[in-house]
Amino acid sequence: MTLRPAVAADVESIRQLVQRAFLPYVARIGREPAPMTVDYHLVVAQRRCWVVEDDGRISGMVQIARRAGHLEVETIAVAPDAQGRGIGARLLGFAEEQARAAGLPQIRLYTNEAMTENLAYYPRRGFQEVGRAEQDGYRRVFFARAVPPG
């Protein structure tokens, strides 16, 4: 597996990966989750997206943004047939490395409250729930994790 910055030629594969990863949540939420509506051409052009490539195909992606005082994981997705292989943990580890390199003390992310798998997954990765709110028409659960010194 190779973790690398996404390039323009990856955009369609990223979009398809996100569609497959988030499709099961459409019925639960009642509409497409926000990551399914992102302009990945723009995100890739802004150099905010990295991918995990495995045997020539993209099996995971993470979209990050530097914010005041923290790094935000805006989207993280793993292909359904590649889940359980540590790709998500690797992508979160990469986000931590990026936060540390930027001198940011915290990583933040959010998920939809209907994505119950994520509500269990992020605490296992050291994230703490820090709030819940309706935002942009979605019921979101917010998480944060301190970035340990390197």
N, C-alpha and C. Protein backbone atom coordinates (compact mmCIF):
# COMPACT_ATOMS: atom_id res chain seq x y z
N MET A 1 0.84 -1.19 0.00
CA MET A 1 0.00 0.00 0.00
C MET A 1 0.88 1.24 0.00
N THR A 2 0.49 2.20 -0.79
CA THR A 2 1.21 3.46 -0.90
C THR A 2 0.28 4.61 -0.55
N LEU A 3 0.73 5.48 0.34
CA LEU A 3 0.00 6.70 0.68
C LEU A 3 0.68 7.83 -0.06
N ARG A 4 -0.10 8.57 -0.86
CA ARG A 4 0.49 9.64 -1.67
C ARG A 4 -0.52 10.76 -1.88
N PRO A 5 -0.01 11.94 -2.26
CA PRO A 5 -0.94 13.03 -2.59
C PRO A 5 -1.79 12.65 -3.80
N ALA A 6 -3.04 13.03 -3.78
CA ALA A 6 -3.91 12.79 -4.92
C ALA A 6 -3.52 13.74 -6.05
N VAL A 7 -3.70 13.26 -7.28
CA VAL A 7 -3.44 14.08 -8.47
C VAL A 7 -4.73 14.13 -9.30
N ALA A 8 -4.75 15.03 -10.27
CA ALA A 8 -5.95 15.24 -11.07
C ALA A 8 -6.47 13.94 -11.68
N ALA A 9 -5.58 13.06 -12.10
CA ALA A 9 -6.01 11.80 -12.72
C ALA A 9 -6.73 10.89 -11.73
N ASP A 10 -6.64 11.17 -10.43
CA ASP A 10 -7.29 10.35 -9.40
C ASP A 10 -8.72 10.77 -9.10
N VAL A 11 -9.14 11.93 -9.57
CA VAL A 11 -10.41 12.52 -9.12
C VAL A 11 -11.59 11.57 -9.34
N GLU A 12 -11.70 10.98 -10.49
CA GLU A 12 -12.84 10.09 -10.74
C GLU A 12 -12.80 8.87 -9.84
N SER A 13 -11.63 8.32 -9.60
CA SER A 13 -11.51 7.17 -8.69
C SER A 13 -11.86 7.57 -7.26
N ILE A 14 -11.46 8.76 -6.86
CA ILE A 14 -11.81 9.26 -5.51
C ILE A 14 -13.32 9.41 -5.40
N ARG A 15 -13.92 10.03 -6.40
CA ARG A 15 -15.37 10.23 -6.37
C ARG A 15 -16.11 8.89 -6.29
N GLN A 16 -15.67 7.92 -7.06
CA GLN A 16 -16.30 6.60 -7.03
C GLN A 16 -16.10 5.91 -5.69
N LEU A 17 -14.91 6.03 -5.12
CA LEU A 17 -14.63 5.45 -3.81
C LEU A 17 -15.56 6.06 -2.76
N VAL A 18 -15.68 7.38 -2.75
CA VAL A 18 -16.54 8.06 -1.78
C VAL A 18 -17.99 7.64 -1.98
N GLN A 19 -18.43 7.52 -3.22
CA GLN A 19 -19.81 7.08 -3.49
C GLN A 19 -20.04 5.69 -2.89
N ARG A 20 -19.12 4.76 -3.12
CA ARG A 20 -19.27 3.39 -2.59
C ARG A 20 -19.23 3.37 -1.07
N ALA A 21 -18.32 4.14 -0.50
CA ALA A 21 -18.15 4.14 0.96
C ALA A 21 -19.35 4.75 1.69
N PHE A 22 -19.96 5.77 1.11
CA PHE A 22 -21.04 6.48 1.80
C PHE A 22 -22.44 6.06 1.36
N LEU A 23 -22.56 5.29 0.30
CA LEU A 23 -23.87 4.87 -0.20
C LEU A 23 -24.75 4.21 0.87
N PRO A 24 -24.21 3.34 1.73
CA PRO A 24 -25.07 2.70 2.74
C PRO A 24 -25.74 3.69 3.70
N TYR A 25 -25.22 4.90 3.79
CA TYR A 25 -25.76 5.87 4.73
C TYR A 25 -26.88 6.73 4.15
N VAL A 26 -27.06 6.69 2.85
CA VAL A 26 -28.08 7.54 2.22
C VAL A 26 -29.46 7.24 2.81
N ALA A 27 -29.82 5.97 2.91
CA ALA A 27 -31.14 5.62 3.44
C ALA A 27 -31.28 6.02 4.91
N ARG A 28 -30.21 5.87 5.68
CA ARG A 28 -30.27 6.23 7.11
C ARG A 28 -30.46 7.73 7.31
N ILE A 29 -29.76 8.52 6.50
CA ILE A 29 -29.78 9.97 6.66
C ILE A 29 -30.97 10.59 5.93
N GLY A 30 -31.38 9.95 4.85
CA GLY A 30 -32.48 10.47 4.06
C GLY A 30 -32.02 11.35 2.91
N ARG A 31 -30.73 11.44 2.71
CA ARG A 31 -30.12 12.19 1.61
C ARG A 31 -28.65 11.82 1.53
N GLU A 32 -27.99 12.26 0.48
CA GLU A 32 -26.57 11.95 0.34
C GLU A 32 -25.77 12.62 1.45
N PRO A 33 -24.87 11.87 2.09
CA PRO A 33 -23.96 12.50 3.05
C PRO A 33 -23.12 13.57 2.35
N ALA A 34 -22.68 14.56 3.10
CA ALA A 34 -21.95 15.69 2.53
C ALA A 34 -20.74 15.27 1.67
N PRO A 35 -19.95 14.26 2.05
CA PRO A 35 -18.80 13.91 1.21
C PRO A 35 -19.17 13.48 -0.21
N MET A 36 -20.39 13.04 -0.41
CA MET A 36 -20.81 12.61 -1.74
C MET A 36 -21.06 13.80 -2.67
N THR A 37 -21.09 15.01 -2.13
CA THR A 37 -21.39 16.20 -2.92
C THR A 37 -20.17 17.12 -3.11
N VAL A 38 -19.03 16.72 -2.63
CA VAL A 38 -17.82 17.54 -2.68
C VAL A 38 -17.27 17.62 -4.11
N ASP A 39 -16.72 18.75 -4.46
CA ASP A 39 -16.02 18.92 -5.73
C ASP A 39 -14.57 18.45 -5.52
N TYR A 40 -14.30 17.20 -5.83
CA TYR A 40 -12.97 16.65 -5.59
C TYR A 40 -11.93 17.20 -6.56
N HIS A 41 -12.35 17.74 -7.71
CA HIS A 41 -11.39 18.43 -8.59
C HIS A 41 -10.75 19.58 -7.81
N LEU A 42 -11.58 20.35 -7.11
CA LEU A 42 -11.10 21.49 -6.35
C LEU A 42 -10.22 21.04 -5.18
N VAL A 43 -10.69 20.05 -4.43
CA VAL A 43 -9.94 19.58 -3.25
C VAL A 43 -8.56 19.07 -3.67
N VAL A 44 -8.51 18.32 -4.76
CA VAL A 44 -7.22 17.80 -5.24
C VAL A 44 -6.34 18.95 -5.72
N ALA A 45 -6.91 19.90 -6.45
CA ALA A 45 -6.14 21.05 -6.93
C ALA A 45 -5.57 21.86 -5.78
N GLN A 46 -6.29 21.89 -4.66
CA GLN A 46 -5.83 22.63 -3.47
C GLN A 46 -4.83 21.82 -2.64
N ARG A 47 -4.53 20.62 -3.09
CA ARG A 47 -3.56 19.73 -2.42
C ARG A 47 -3.97 19.40 -0.99
N ARG A 48 -5.28 19.10 -0.82
CA ARG A 48 -5.81 18.75 0.49
C ARG A 48 -6.30 17.31 0.54
N CYS A 49 -5.93 16.51 -0.46
CA CYS A 49 -6.41 15.14 -0.53
C CYS A 49 -5.23 14.18 -0.75
N TRP A 50 -5.23 13.10 0.01
CA TRP A 50 -4.24 12.04 -0.12
C TRP A 50 -4.98 10.73 -0.30
N VAL A 51 -4.34 9.81 -0.99
CA VAL A 51 -4.96 8.52 -1.26
C VAL A 51 -4.04 7.38 -0.86
N VAL A 52 -4.67 6.26 -0.55
CA VAL A 52 -3.95 5.00 -0.37
C VAL A 52 -4.20 4.21 -1.64
N GLU A 53 -3.11 3.84 -2.29
CA GLU A 53 -3.20 3.05 -3.51
C GLU A 53 -2.69 1.65 -3.20
N ASP A 54 -3.44 0.67 -3.63
CA ASP A 54 -3.12 -0.73 -3.36
C ASP A 54 -3.34 -1.53 -4.64
N ASP A 55 -2.30 -2.15 -5.14
CA ASP A 55 -2.39 -2.92 -6.39
C ASP A 55 -3.00 -2.11 -7.52
N GLY A 56 -2.58 -0.84 -7.64
CA GLY A 56 -3.02 -0.01 -8.75
C GLY A 56 -4.39 0.62 -8.61
N ARG A 57 -5.06 0.41 -7.48
CA ARG A 57 -6.37 1.06 -7.32
C ARG A 57 -6.41 1.82 -6.00
N ILE A 58 -7.21 2.85 -5.98
CA ILE A 58 -7.34 3.68 -4.79
C ILE A 58 -8.31 3.00 -3.83
N SER A 59 -7.82 2.68 -2.64
CA SER A 59 -8.64 1.97 -1.66
C SER A 59 -9.00 2.83 -0.45
N GLY A 60 -8.42 4.03 -0.37
CA GLY A 60 -8.74 4.93 0.73
C GLY A 60 -8.36 6.35 0.39
N MET A 61 -9.00 7.29 1.05
CA MET A 61 -8.68 8.71 0.84
C MET A 61 -8.94 9.50 2.11
N VAL A 62 -8.21 10.60 2.24
CA VAL A 62 -8.45 11.54 3.33
C VAL A 62 -8.32 12.95 2.77
N GLN A 63 -9.24 13.79 3.19
CA GLN A 63 -9.26 15.21 2.80
C GLN A 63 -9.08 16.00 4.09
N ILE A 64 -8.06 16.85 4.14
CA ILE A 64 -7.77 17.59 5.36
C ILE A 64 -7.70 19.09 5.07
N ALA A 65 -7.82 19.88 6.13
CA ALA A 65 -7.69 21.33 6.03
C ALA A 65 -7.09 21.86 7.32
N ARG A 66 -6.15 22.76 7.18
CA ARG A 66 -5.59 23.45 8.35
C ARG A 66 -6.57 24.53 8.78
N ARG A 67 -6.85 24.56 10.05
CA ARG A 67 -7.72 25.57 10.64
C ARG A 67 -6.96 26.26 11.77
N ALA A 68 -7.54 27.30 12.31
CA ALA A 68 -6.92 28.00 13.44
C ALA A 68 -6.88 27.05 14.64
N GLY A 69 -5.71 26.61 15.02
CA GLY A 69 -5.53 25.79 16.21
C GLY A 69 -5.77 24.31 16.05
N HIS A 70 -6.12 23.84 14.84
CA HIS A 70 -6.32 22.41 14.65
C HIS A 70 -6.27 22.02 13.17
N LEU A 71 -6.16 20.74 12.95
CA LEU A 71 -6.28 20.18 11.61
C LEU A 71 -7.62 19.48 11.54
N GLU A 72 -8.38 19.78 10.49
CA GLU A 72 -9.68 19.15 10.34
C GLU A 72 -9.61 18.04 9.30
N VAL A 73 -10.08 16.87 9.68
CA VAL A 73 -10.27 15.79 8.72
C VAL A 73 -11.67 16.00 8.17
N GLU A 74 -11.74 16.50 6.94
CA GLU A 74 -13.03 16.83 6.34
C GLU A 74 -13.73 15.59 5.79
N THR A 75 -12.98 14.70 5.20
CA THR A 75 -13.53 13.44 4.69
C THR A 75 -12.47 12.37 4.82
N ILE A 76 -12.91 11.20 5.23
CA ILE A 76 -12.05 10.02 5.23
C ILE A 76 -12.94 8.89 4.73
N ALA A 77 -12.42 8.11 3.80
CA ALA A 77 -13.21 7.02 3.22
C ALA A 77 -12.31 5.86 2.86
N VAL A 78 -12.83 4.66 3.08
CA VAL A 78 -12.13 3.43 2.72
C VAL A 78 -13.11 2.60 1.89
N ALA A 79 -12.61 2.03 0.81
CA ALA A 79 -13.46 1.19 -0.04
C ALA A 79 -14.06 0.08 0.81
N PRO A 80 -15.34 -0.22 0.64
CA PRO A 80 -15.98 -1.26 1.45
C PRO A 80 -15.23 -2.59 1.42
N ASP A 81 -14.70 -2.98 0.28
CA ASP A 81 -13.99 -4.26 0.19
C ASP A 81 -12.57 -4.21 0.75
N ALA A 82 -12.12 -3.03 1.19
CA ALA A 82 -10.79 -2.89 1.77
C ALA A 82 -10.84 -2.57 3.27
N GLN A 83 -12.04 -2.49 3.83
CA GLN A 83 -12.17 -2.16 5.25
C GLN A 83 -11.65 -3.30 6.11
N GLY A 84 -11.17 -2.94 7.30
CA GLY A 84 -10.64 -3.94 8.22
C GLY A 84 -9.17 -4.26 7.99
N ARG A 85 -8.51 -3.52 7.10
CA ARG A 85 -7.10 -3.76 6.80
C ARG A 85 -6.19 -2.68 7.35
N GLY A 86 -6.73 -1.77 8.17
CA GLY A 86 -5.91 -0.73 8.78
C GLY A 86 -5.74 0.53 7.94
N ILE A 87 -6.45 0.64 6.83
CA ILE A 87 -6.31 1.81 5.96
C ILE A 87 -6.82 3.07 6.65
N GLY A 88 -7.97 2.97 7.31
CA GLY A 88 -8.50 4.13 8.03
C GLY A 88 -7.55 4.61 9.11
N ALA A 89 -7.00 3.67 9.87
CA ALA A 89 -6.04 4.02 10.92
C ALA A 89 -4.80 4.67 10.31
N ARG A 90 -4.36 4.16 9.17
CA ARG A 90 -3.19 4.75 8.51
C ARG A 90 -3.49 6.18 8.06
N LEU A 91 -4.67 6.41 7.52
CA LEU A 91 -5.04 7.75 7.08
C LEU A 91 -5.15 8.71 8.27
N LEU A 92 -5.71 8.24 9.38
CA LEU A 92 -5.77 9.09 10.58
C LEU A 92 -4.37 9.37 11.12
N GLY A 93 -3.49 8.37 11.05
CA GLY A 93 -2.10 8.58 11.45
C GLY A 93 -1.41 9.62 10.58
N PHE A 94 -1.70 9.58 9.29
CA PHE A 94 -1.15 10.57 8.38
C PHE A 94 -1.65 11.97 8.76
N ALA A 95 -2.94 12.08 9.06
CA ALA A 95 -3.49 13.38 9.47
C ALA A 95 -2.78 13.89 10.72
N GLU A 96 -2.50 12.97 11.64
CA GLU A 96 -1.77 13.36 12.85
C GLU A 96 -0.38 13.87 12.51
N GLU A 97 0.30 13.20 11.60
CA GLU A 97 1.63 13.64 11.17
C GLU A 97 1.57 15.03 10.55
N GLN A 98 0.56 15.29 9.74
CA GLN A 98 0.40 16.59 9.11
C GLN A 98 0.12 17.67 10.15
N ALA A 99 -0.70 17.36 11.14
CA ALA A 99 -0.98 18.31 12.21
C ALA A 99 0.30 18.62 12.99
N ARG A 100 1.04 17.59 13.33
CA ARG A 100 2.28 17.76 14.09
C ARG A 100 3.27 18.63 13.29
N ALA A 101 3.43 18.33 12.00
CA ALA A 101 4.36 19.08 11.16
C ALA A 101 3.96 20.55 11.05
N ALA A 102 2.66 20.82 11.12
CA ALA A 102 2.16 22.20 11.04
C ALA A 102 2.11 22.88 12.40
N GLY A 103 2.50 22.16 13.45
CA GLY A 103 2.47 22.73 14.79
C GLY A 103 1.07 22.87 15.37
N LEU A 104 0.14 22.07 14.86
CA LEU A 104 -1.24 22.13 15.34
C LEU A 104 -1.45 21.09 16.43
N PRO A 105 -2.02 21.48 17.57
CA PRO A 105 -2.11 20.58 18.71
C PRO A 105 -3.29 19.61 18.71
N GLN A 106 -4.17 19.72 17.73
CA GLN A 106 -5.40 18.93 17.80
C GLN A 106 -5.89 18.56 16.39
N ILE A 107 -6.52 17.39 16.32
CA ILE A 107 -7.22 16.97 15.11
C ILE A 107 -8.70 16.97 15.44
N ARG A 108 -9.51 17.47 14.54
CA ARG A 108 -10.97 17.46 14.71
C ARG A 108 -11.60 16.83 13.48
N LEU A 109 -12.75 16.25 13.70
CA LEU A 109 -13.56 15.70 12.61
C LEU A 109 -14.98 15.59 13.09
N TYR A 110 -15.87 15.32 12.17
CA TYR A 110 -17.26 15.08 12.55
C TYR A 110 -17.83 14.00 11.67
N THR A 111 -18.90 13.41 12.15
CA THR A 111 -19.61 12.39 11.39
C THR A 111 -21.10 12.62 11.61
N ASN A 112 -21.90 11.94 10.85
CA ASN A 112 -23.34 12.04 11.02
C ASN A 112 -23.77 11.08 12.13
N GLU A 113 -24.72 11.49 12.94
CA GLU A 113 -25.13 10.62 14.04
C GLU A 113 -25.74 9.31 13.56
N ALA A 114 -26.19 9.25 12.31
CA ALA A 114 -26.73 8.01 11.75
C ALA A 114 -25.62 7.03 11.35
N MET A 115 -24.40 7.49 11.30
CA MET A 115 -23.27 6.63 10.96
C MET A 115 -22.74 6.00 12.24
N THR A 116 -23.52 5.11 12.79
CA THR A 116 -23.23 4.55 14.12
C THR A 116 -21.89 3.81 14.16
N GLU A 117 -21.48 3.25 13.05
CA GLU A 117 -20.17 2.57 13.02
C GLU A 117 -19.05 3.57 13.36
N ASN A 118 -19.17 4.78 12.84
CA ASN A 118 -18.16 5.80 13.10
C ASN A 118 -18.18 6.27 14.55
N LEU A 119 -19.37 6.28 15.15
CA LEU A 119 -19.48 6.71 16.55
C LEU A 119 -18.72 5.76 17.46
N ALA A 120 -18.56 4.52 17.04
CA ALA A 120 -17.76 3.55 17.80
C ALA A 120 -16.30 3.57 17.36
N TYR A 121 -16.06 3.79 16.06
CA TYR A 121 -14.71 3.72 15.50
C TYR A 121 -13.80 4.83 16.03
N TYR A 122 -14.25 6.08 15.99
CA TYR A 122 -13.37 7.18 16.36
C TYR A 122 -12.92 7.14 17.82
N PRO A 123 -13.77 6.82 18.79
CA PRO A 123 -13.26 6.69 20.16
C PRO A 123 -12.19 5.60 20.30
N ARG A 124 -12.30 4.54 19.52
CA ARG A 124 -11.25 3.50 19.56
C ARG A 124 -9.92 4.02 19.02
N ARG A 125 -9.97 5.11 18.29
CA ARG A 125 -8.77 5.72 17.73
C ARG A 125 -8.33 6.94 18.54
N GLY A 126 -8.85 7.07 19.76
CA GLY A 126 -8.41 8.12 20.66
C GLY A 126 -9.18 9.43 20.58
N PHE A 127 -10.22 9.48 19.77
CA PHE A 127 -11.03 10.70 19.66
C PHE A 127 -12.08 10.72 20.76
N GLN A 128 -12.37 11.93 21.22
CA GLN A 128 -13.43 12.13 22.21
C GLN A 128 -14.54 12.95 21.58
N GLU A 129 -15.77 12.55 21.87
CA GLU A 129 -16.90 13.34 21.41
C GLU A 129 -16.90 14.67 22.15
N VAL A 130 -17.03 15.77 21.39
CA VAL A 130 -16.99 17.10 22.00
C VAL A 130 -18.27 17.90 21.75
N GLY A 131 -19.22 17.30 21.03
CA GLY A 131 -20.47 18.01 20.83
C GLY A 131 -21.32 17.39 19.74
N ARG A 132 -22.58 17.83 19.73
CA ARG A 132 -23.54 17.42 18.70
C ARG A 132 -24.33 18.65 18.31
N ALA A 133 -24.63 18.73 17.01
CA ALA A 133 -25.40 19.88 16.54
C ALA A 133 -25.95 19.59 15.15
N GLU A 134 -27.00 20.32 14.80
CA GLU A 134 -27.47 20.27 13.42
C GLU A 134 -26.71 21.33 12.66
N GLN A 135 -26.15 20.92 11.52
CA GLN A 135 -25.32 21.82 10.72
C GLN A 135 -25.54 21.50 9.25
N ASP A 136 -25.86 22.49 8.47
CA ASP A 136 -26.09 22.30 7.03
C ASP A 136 -27.15 21.23 6.76
N GLY A 137 -28.11 21.09 7.67
CA GLY A 137 -29.17 20.11 7.50
C GLY A 137 -28.80 18.69 7.91
N TYR A 138 -27.63 18.51 8.50
CA TYR A 138 -27.18 17.19 8.96
C TYR A 138 -27.07 17.21 10.48
N ARG A 139 -27.34 16.07 11.09
CA ARG A 139 -27.17 15.92 12.55
C ARG A 139 -25.77 15.37 12.77
N ARG A 140 -24.87 16.25 13.18
CA ARG A 140 -23.45 15.91 13.26
C ARG A 140 -22.98 15.67 14.69
N VAL A 141 -22.01 14.79 14.79
CA VAL A 141 -21.33 14.49 16.05
C VAL A 141 -19.88 14.89 15.85
N PHE A 142 -19.37 15.75 16.71
CA PHE A 142 -18.03 16.31 16.59
C PHE A 142 -17.07 15.58 17.53
N PHE A 143 -15.87 15.33 17.01
CA PHE A 143 -14.83 14.63 17.75
C PHE A 143 -13.53 15.42 17.70
N ALA A 144 -12.69 15.25 18.71
CA ALA A 144 -11.36 15.87 18.74
C ALA A 144 -10.37 14.92 19.41
N ARG A 145 -9.11 15.06 19.03
CA ARG A 145 -8.03 14.28 19.62
C ARG A 145 -6.78 15.14 19.67
N ALA A 146 -6.12 15.14 20.80
CA ALA A 146 -4.86 15.87 20.93
C ALA A 146 -3.80 15.19 20.09
N VAL A 147 -2.91 16.00 19.54
CA VAL A 147 -1.78 15.48 18.79
C VAL A 147 -0.60 15.35 19.76
N PRO A 148 -0.18 14.12 20.03
CA PRO A 148 0.93 13.96 20.96
C PRO A 148 2.23 14.51 20.36
N PRO A 149 3.13 15.00 21.21
CA PRO A 149 4.39 15.51 20.69
C PRO A 149 5.17 14.40 19.96
N GLY A 150 5.87 14.80 18.93
CA GLY A 150 6.62 13.83 18.13
C GLY A 150 7.93 13.58 18.73
